[in-house]
Amino acid sequence: MNKLFPRFIFFLLMCLTFSLAATAQGVDIPDPKLRTAIETALGKASGAAITADEMGTLKELNARDASISNLTGLERGPVVAKQLI
C-alpha cells in the first residue's frame, strides 16, 4: 500500500473532526432580547446552547418591538433581517 494513504486518511479524519467541532460550537448572542427571540423561534429552553447548525435552520425571526440593540450572532443564520426592523 502506498505510504501516503495512511497520512491522507488521517488528514481527512482531522478535517472532519474540526468541521464537526466548528458547527457544534455554541453561537454567542450577547443581546438578551435577541437571544430570547431566537430561542423562541427554535423552540429552545431559556439559556440553552444555540449551535451554528441550529442557526442555519432559522428561516424567519419575529422580533418586532423587541428593542434589540446588538445583532451579534445573527450572522450565523440565514434569517430574514427585515423581520427585525
Protein backbone atom coordinates (compact mmCIF):
# COMPACT_ATOMS: atom_id res chain seq x y z
CA MET A 1 0.00 0.00 0.00
CA ASN A 2 1.15 3.50 -0.73
CA LYS A 3 2.86 5.23 2.22
CA LEU A 4 0.81 8.36 1.62
CA PHE A 5 -2.54 6.62 2.01
CA PRO A 6 -2.49 6.42 5.85
CA ARG A 7 -1.49 10.08 6.02
CA PHE A 8 -4.27 11.02 3.64
CA ILE A 9 -6.83 9.14 5.75
CA PHE A 10 -5.51 10.83 8.89
CA PHE A 11 -5.78 14.23 7.19
CA LEU A 12 -9.39 13.54 6.14
CA LEU A 13 -10.34 12.44 9.65
CA MET A 14 -8.80 15.57 11.14
CA CYS A 15 -10.68 17.80 8.67
CA LEU A 16 -13.94 16.05 9.53
CA THR A 17 -13.28 16.39 13.25
CA PHE A 18 -12.57 20.11 13.00
CA SER A 19 -15.60 20.80 10.80
CA LEU A 20 -17.91 18.92 13.18
CA ALA A 21 -16.46 20.75 16.17
CA ALA A 22 -16.97 24.11 14.46
CA THR A 23 -20.66 23.50 13.77
CA ALA A 24 -21.31 22.10 17.24
CA GLN A 25 -20.00 25.22 18.98
CA GLY A 26 -22.44 27.50 20.67
CA VAL A 27 -23.21 30.79 18.96
CA ASP A 28 -22.55 33.89 21.06
CA ILE A 29 -25.70 36.05 21.22
CA PRO A 30 -24.98 38.79 23.78
CA ASP A 31 -28.26 40.74 23.42
CA PRO A 32 -30.73 39.05 25.81
CA LYS A 33 -33.78 40.14 23.80
CA LEU A 34 -32.36 38.80 20.54
CA ARG A 35 -31.40 35.57 22.31
CA THR A 36 -34.93 35.19 23.67
CA ALA A 37 -36.43 35.74 20.21
CA ILE A 38 -34.09 33.13 18.68
CA GLU A 39 -34.74 30.63 21.49
CA THR A 40 -38.47 31.06 20.94
CA ALA A 41 -38.15 30.63 17.16
CA LEU A 42 -36.06 27.48 17.63
CA GLY A 43 -38.24 26.08 20.42
CA LYS A 44 -35.33 26.00 22.86
CA ALA A 45 -35.33 26.47 26.60
CA SER A 46 -34.08 29.76 28.02
CA GLY A 47 -30.29 29.70 28.35
CA ALA A 48 -29.85 26.52 26.27
CA ALA A 49 -26.88 26.46 23.90
CA ILE A 50 -27.67 27.52 20.34
CA THR A 51 -25.41 25.93 17.72
CA ALA A 52 -24.41 27.18 14.29
CA ASP A 53 -26.35 24.27 12.78
CA GLU A 54 -29.50 25.37 14.60
CA MET A 55 -28.98 28.95 13.46
CA GLY A 56 -28.80 27.58 9.92
CA THR A 57 -32.35 26.26 10.26
CA LEU A 58 -33.73 29.64 11.32
CA LYS A 59 -35.66 30.97 8.34
CA GLU A 60 -37.71 33.73 9.97
CA LEU A 61 -37.45 35.69 13.19
CA ASN A 62 -40.29 37.75 14.57
CA ALA A 63 -38.70 40.29 16.89
CA ARG A 64 -40.70 43.43 16.23
CA ASP A 65 -40.81 45.88 19.13
CA ALA A 66 -38.21 43.82 21.00
CA SER A 67 -35.79 46.75 21.42
CA ILE A 68 -32.83 44.70 20.24
CA SER A 69 -29.62 46.73 20.33
CA ASN A 70 -26.98 44.16 19.32
CA LEU A 71 -27.32 41.81 16.33
CA THR A 72 -24.17 39.81 17.11
CA GLY A 73 -24.78 36.11 16.46
CA LEU A 74 -27.46 36.69 13.85
CA GLU A 75 -24.83 36.45 11.10
CA ARG A 76 -24.60 32.70 11.81
CA GLY A 77 -28.02 32.07 10.27
CA PRO A 78 -29.92 32.91 7.09
CA VAL A 79 -32.66 34.80 8.94
CA VAL A 80 -34.58 37.49 7.11
CA ALA A 81 -33.32 40.81 8.54
CA LYS A 82 -36.49 42.73 7.69
CA GLN A 83 -38.25 40.91 10.49
CA LEU A 84 -36.12 42.83 12.98
CA ILE A 85 -36.91 46.29 11.66
